[in-house]
Amino acid sequence: MSENTYSYHQFRNLTPAGLFVWVAFDETCKQLGLDDLASASAMLLGMNDVPVPGKLGGAVRGTSVVSMASRKLLPYQIATRLPTITRAGLGGLRIAMTRNLGAFVGRTIPVLGVVMLSRDAFLIMRHTIASYNRLVKPEDRVL
């Protein structure tokens, strides 16, 4: 680690690591917005934490709020079986096929939330590294 110090906004005498933290914080604040609230909501509403009695053996326990709502709003059976991702156990994922349009939508919404948050995390780090590298001397740059 170098002995260089930097200034960032009102902060003075920052080490390269300290500067990186403040740049990351600033970029995170810039990136987070309404779409992050929607993606976090989609993930939370898609958690299968509502108990459901009478499920067959081998079925994933519980259901989600979004799945219950989408099944009521879209009670249509379609000819083609569609693949969906369900959570099975501690951190495990499972592919389940369904012909019910409501079940497909209900299981897809949380996956979209995860994709949206992953995209934001990638953009935050990309912008953080680019901004940091513009501010520091060549010997303190990352990647």
C-alpha atoms as a PDB file:
ATOM      1  CA  MET A   1       0.000   0.000   0.000  1.00  0.00           C
ATOM      2  CA  SER A   2       1.346   3.403  -0.904  1.00  0.00           C
ATOM      3  CA  GLU A   3       1.816   6.390   1.373  1.00  0.00           C
ATOM      4  CA  ASN A   4      -0.228   8.660  -0.937  1.00  0.00           C
ATOM      5  CA  THR A   5      -3.108  10.607   0.583  1.00  0.00           C
ATOM      6  CA  TYR A   6      -6.138  12.036  -1.188  1.00  0.00           C
ATOM      7  CA  SER A   7      -9.042  14.418  -0.687  1.00  0.00           C
ATOM      8  CA  TYR A   8     -12.631  13.610  -1.606  1.00  0.00           C
ATOM      9  CA  HIS A   9     -15.382  16.188  -1.084  1.00  0.00           C
ATOM     10  CA  GLN A  10     -14.969  17.324   2.554  1.00  0.00           C
ATOM     11  CA  PHE A  11     -12.664  14.426   3.514  1.00  0.00           C
ATOM     12  CA  ARG A  12      -8.926  15.083   3.680  1.00  0.00           C
ATOM     13  CA  ASN A  13      -5.818  12.884   4.099  1.00  0.00           C
ATOM     14  CA  LEU A  14      -7.565   9.724   2.931  1.00  0.00           C
ATOM     15  CA  THR A  15      -5.543   6.602   2.287  1.00  0.00           C
ATOM     16  CA  PRO A  16      -6.196   4.878  -1.050  1.00  0.00           C
ATOM     17  CA  ALA A  17      -8.434   2.334   0.743  1.00  0.00           C
ATOM     18  CA  GLY A  18     -10.347   5.096   2.531  1.00  0.00           C
ATOM     19  CA  LEU A  19     -10.841   6.945  -0.733  1.00  0.00           C
ATOM     20  CA  PHE A  20     -12.146   3.759  -2.372  1.00  0.00           C
ATOM     21  CA  VAL A  21     -14.724   3.343   0.419  1.00  0.00           C
ATOM     22  CA  TRP A  22     -16.020   6.897   0.045  1.00  0.00           C
ATOM     23  CA  VAL A  23     -16.164   6.638  -3.752  1.00  0.00           C
ATOM     24  CA  ALA A  24     -18.076   3.341  -3.416  1.00  0.00           C
ATOM     25  CA  PHE A  25     -20.497   4.946  -0.974  1.00  0.00           C
ATOM     26  CA  ASP A  26     -21.045   7.887  -3.332  1.00  0.00           C
ATOM     27  CA  GLU A  27     -21.599   5.636  -6.362  1.00  0.00           C
ATOM     28  CA  THR A  28     -24.025   3.462  -4.382  1.00  0.00           C
ATOM     29  CA  CYS A  29     -26.075   6.516  -3.463  1.00  0.00           C
ATOM     30  CA  LYS A  30     -26.150   7.591  -7.115  1.00  0.00           C
ATOM     31  CA  GLN A  31     -27.241   4.147  -8.357  1.00  0.00           C
ATOM     32  CA  LEU A  32     -29.940   3.298  -5.834  1.00  0.00           C
ATOM     33  CA  GLY A  33     -33.352   4.509  -6.797  1.00  0.00           C
ATOM     34  CA  LEU A  34     -36.919   3.482  -7.435  1.00  0.00           C
ATOM     35  CA  ASP A  35     -35.982   0.435  -9.507  1.00  0.00           C
ATOM     36  CA  ASP A  36     -34.031  -0.931  -6.521  1.00  0.00           C
ATOM     37  CA  LEU A  37     -37.109  -0.615  -4.343  1.00  0.00           C
ATOM     38  CA  ALA A  38     -39.089  -2.545  -6.956  1.00  0.00           C
ATOM     39  CA  SER A  39     -36.484  -5.290  -7.248  1.00  0.00           C
ATOM     40  CA  ALA A  40     -36.141  -5.671  -3.471  1.00  0.00           C
ATOM     41  CA  SER A  41     -39.931  -5.805  -3.176  1.00  0.00           C
ATOM     42  CA  ALA A  42     -40.099  -8.465  -5.868  1.00  0.00           C
ATOM     43  CA  MET A  43     -37.557 -10.571  -4.006  1.00  0.00           C
ATOM     44  CA  LEU A  44     -39.309 -10.198  -0.644  1.00  0.00           C
ATOM     45  CA  LEU A  45     -42.800 -10.815  -2.007  1.00  0.00           C
ATOM     46  CA  GLY A  46     -41.462 -13.885  -3.806  1.00  0.00           C
ATOM     47  CA  MET A  47     -40.193 -15.614  -0.673  1.00  0.00           C
ATOM     48  CA  ASN A  48     -42.108 -18.830  -0.018  1.00  0.00           C
ATOM     49  CA  ASP A  49     -42.871 -18.110   3.622  1.00  0.00           C
ATOM     50  CA  VAL A  50     -46.687 -18.461   3.587  1.00  0.00           C
ATOM     51  CA  PRO A  51     -47.596 -21.915   4.944  1.00  0.00           C
ATOM     52  CA  VAL A  52     -49.766 -24.041   2.657  1.00  0.00           C
ATOM     53  CA  PRO A  53     -51.421 -27.235   3.916  1.00  0.00           C
ATOM     54  CA  GLY A  54     -51.883 -30.263   1.713  1.00  0.00           C
ATOM     55  CA  LYS A  55     -48.859 -30.072  -0.576  1.00  0.00           C
ATOM     56  CA  LEU A  56     -47.749 -33.339  -2.103  1.00  0.00           C
ATOM     57  CA  GLY A  57     -44.469 -35.019  -1.149  1.00  0.00           C
ATOM     58  CA  GLY A  58     -41.476 -33.557  -2.922  1.00  0.00           C
ATOM     59  CA  ALA A  59     -43.122 -30.142  -3.301  1.00  0.00           C
ATOM     60  CA  VAL A  60     -41.370 -27.044  -1.982  1.00  0.00           C
ATOM     61  CA  ARG A  61     -42.863 -26.058   1.377  1.00  0.00           C
ATOM     62  CA  GLY A  62     -44.861 -22.840   1.541  1.00  0.00           C
ATOM     63  CA  THR A  63     -45.793 -20.320  -1.116  1.00  0.00           C
ATOM     64  CA  SER A  64     -45.246 -16.623  -1.697  1.00  0.00           C
ATOM     65  CA  VAL A  65     -47.559 -13.645  -1.575  1.00  0.00           C
ATOM     66  CA  VAL A  66     -46.869 -12.829  -5.221  1.00  0.00           C
ATOM     67  CA  SER A  67     -47.577 -16.417  -6.260  1.00  0.00           C
ATOM     68  CA  MET A  68     -50.944 -16.438  -4.467  1.00  0.00           C
ATOM     69  CA  ALA A  69     -51.905 -13.103  -6.046  1.00  0.00           C
ATOM     70  CA  SER A  70     -50.814 -14.031  -9.564  1.00  0.00           C
ATOM     71  CA  ARG A  71     -52.647 -17.370  -9.407  1.00  0.00           C
ATOM     72  CA  LYS A  72     -55.861 -15.514  -8.535  1.00  0.00           C
ATOM     73  CA  LEU A  73     -55.356 -12.842 -11.200  1.00  0.00           C
ATOM     74  CA  LEU A  74     -54.182 -15.246 -13.948  1.00  0.00           C
ATOM     75  CA  PRO A  75     -55.993 -18.574 -13.414  1.00  0.00           C
ATOM     76  CA  TYR A  76     -55.274 -19.816 -16.937  1.00  0.00           C
ATOM     77  CA  GLN A  77     -53.909 -23.180 -18.006  1.00  0.00           C
ATOM     78  CA  ILE A  78     -51.751 -23.127 -21.136  1.00  0.00           C
ATOM     79  CA  ALA A  79     -50.797 -25.941 -23.484  1.00  0.00           C
ATOM     80  CA  THR A  80     -47.030 -25.683 -23.037  1.00  0.00           C
ATOM     81  CA  ARG A  81     -45.216 -26.452 -19.802  1.00  0.00           C
ATOM     82  CA  LEU A  82     -43.050 -23.505 -18.777  1.00  0.00           C
ATOM     83  CA  PRO A  83     -39.890 -23.795 -16.654  1.00  0.00           C
ATOM     84  CA  THR A  84     -39.732 -21.878 -13.389  1.00  0.00           C
ATOM     85  CA  ILE A  85     -37.127 -21.560 -10.672  1.00  0.00           C
ATOM     86  CA  THR A  86     -38.178 -22.390  -7.129  1.00  0.00           C
ATOM     87  CA  ARG A  87     -36.255 -22.341  -3.896  1.00  0.00           C
ATOM     88  CA  ALA A  88     -35.829 -25.743  -2.263  1.00  0.00           C
ATOM     89  CA  GLY A  89     -34.319 -25.942   1.183  1.00  0.00           C
ATOM     90  CA  LEU A  90     -31.405 -23.878   2.419  1.00  0.00           C
ATOM     91  CA  GLY A  91     -30.163 -21.896  -0.554  1.00  0.00           C
ATOM     92  CA  GLY A  92     -30.967 -24.607  -3.074  1.00  0.00           C
ATOM     93  CA  LEU A  93     -32.739 -23.946  -6.337  1.00  0.00           C
ATOM     94  CA  ARG A  94     -34.905 -26.273  -8.334  1.00  0.00           C
ATOM     95  CA  ILE A  95     -36.466 -26.112 -11.790  1.00  0.00           C
ATOM     96  CA  ALA A  96     -40.192 -26.838 -11.754  1.00  0.00           C
ATOM     97  CA  MET A  97     -42.426 -27.044 -14.803  1.00  0.00           C
ATOM     98  CA  THR A  98     -45.938 -25.552 -14.786  1.00  0.00           C
ATOM     99  CA  ARG A  99     -48.851 -25.037 -17.157  1.00  0.00           C
ATOM    100  CA  ASN A 100     -50.503 -22.478 -14.879  1.00  0.00           C
ATOM    101  CA  LEU A 101     -49.831 -18.952 -16.139  1.00  0.00           C
ATOM    102  CA  GLY A 102     -50.305 -17.441 -12.671  1.00  0.00           C
ATOM    103  CA  ALA A 103     -47.753 -19.837 -11.153  1.00  0.00           C
ATOM    104  CA  PHE A 104     -45.277 -18.986 -13.907  1.00  0.00           C
ATOM    105  CA  VAL A 105     -45.642 -15.234 -13.311  1.00  0.00           C
ATOM    106  CA  GLY A 106     -45.511 -15.657  -9.524  1.00  0.00           C
ATOM    107  CA  ARG A 107     -42.292 -17.663  -9.695  1.00  0.00           C
ATOM    108  CA  THR A 108     -40.663 -15.379 -12.277  1.00  0.00           C
ATOM    109  CA  ILE A 109     -41.106 -12.049 -10.448  1.00  0.00           C
ATOM    110  CA  PRO A 110     -38.568 -12.788  -7.661  1.00  0.00           C
ATOM    111  CA  VAL A 111     -36.036 -14.004 -10.234  1.00  0.00           C
ATOM    112  CA  LEU A 112     -36.367 -10.672 -12.037  1.00  0.00           C
ATOM    113  CA  GLY A 113     -35.773  -8.902  -8.704  1.00  0.00           C
ATOM    114  CA  VAL A 114     -32.531 -10.812  -8.196  1.00  0.00           C
ATOM    115  CA  VAL A 115     -31.395 -10.008 -11.744  1.00  0.00           C
ATOM    116  CA  MET A 116     -32.150  -6.304 -11.266  1.00  0.00           C
ATOM    117  CA  LEU A 117     -30.249  -6.097  -7.965  1.00  0.00           C
ATOM    118  CA  SER A 118     -27.332  -8.034  -9.445  1.00  0.00           C
ATOM    119  CA  ARG A 119     -27.173  -5.569 -12.317  1.00  0.00           C
ATOM    120  CA  ASP A 120     -27.104  -2.669  -9.856  1.00  0.00           C
ATOM    121  CA  ALA A 121     -24.306  -4.262  -7.824  1.00  0.00           C
ATOM    122  CA  PHE A 122     -22.281  -4.741 -11.013  1.00  0.00           C
ATOM    123  CA  LEU A 123     -22.825  -1.134 -12.119  1.00  0.00           C
ATOM    124  CA  ILE A 124     -21.958   0.230  -8.677  1.00  0.00           C
ATOM    125  CA  MET A 125     -18.630  -1.600  -8.646  1.00  0.00           C
ATOM    126  CA  ARG A 126     -17.861  -0.707 -12.258  1.00  0.00           C
ATOM    127  CA  HIS A 127     -18.528   3.000 -11.658  1.00  0.00           C
ATOM    128  CA  THR A 128     -16.677   2.923  -8.332  1.00  0.00           C
ATOM    129  CA  ILE A 129     -13.530   1.484  -9.887  1.00  0.00           C
ATOM    130  CA  ALA A 130     -13.671   3.894 -12.833  1.00  0.00           C
ATOM    131  CA  SER A 131     -14.176   6.950 -10.582  1.00  0.00           C
ATOM    132  CA  TYR A 132     -11.509   5.807  -8.120  1.00  0.00           C
ATOM    133  CA  ASN A 133      -8.959   5.196 -10.880  1.00  0.00           C
ATOM    134  CA  ARG A 134      -9.583   8.687 -12.284  1.00  0.00           C
ATOM    135  CA  LEU A 135      -8.843  10.231  -8.872  1.00  0.00           C
ATOM    136  CA  VAL A 136      -5.686   8.374  -7.814  1.00  0.00           C
ATOM    137  CA  LYS A 137      -2.102   8.207  -8.961  1.00  0.00           C
ATOM    138  CA  PRO A 138      -1.176   5.310 -11.280  1.00  0.00           C
ATOM    139  CA  GLU A 139       0.472   3.258  -8.527  1.00  0.00           C
ATOM    140  CA  ASP A 140      -2.786   3.257  -6.476  1.00  0.00           C
ATOM    141  CA  ARG A 141      -5.131   2.187  -9.269  1.00  0.00           C
ATOM    142  CA  VAL A 142      -7.073  -1.072  -9.099  1.00  0.00           C
ATOM    143  CA  LEU A 143      -7.838  -3.575 -11.861  1.00  0.00           C
END
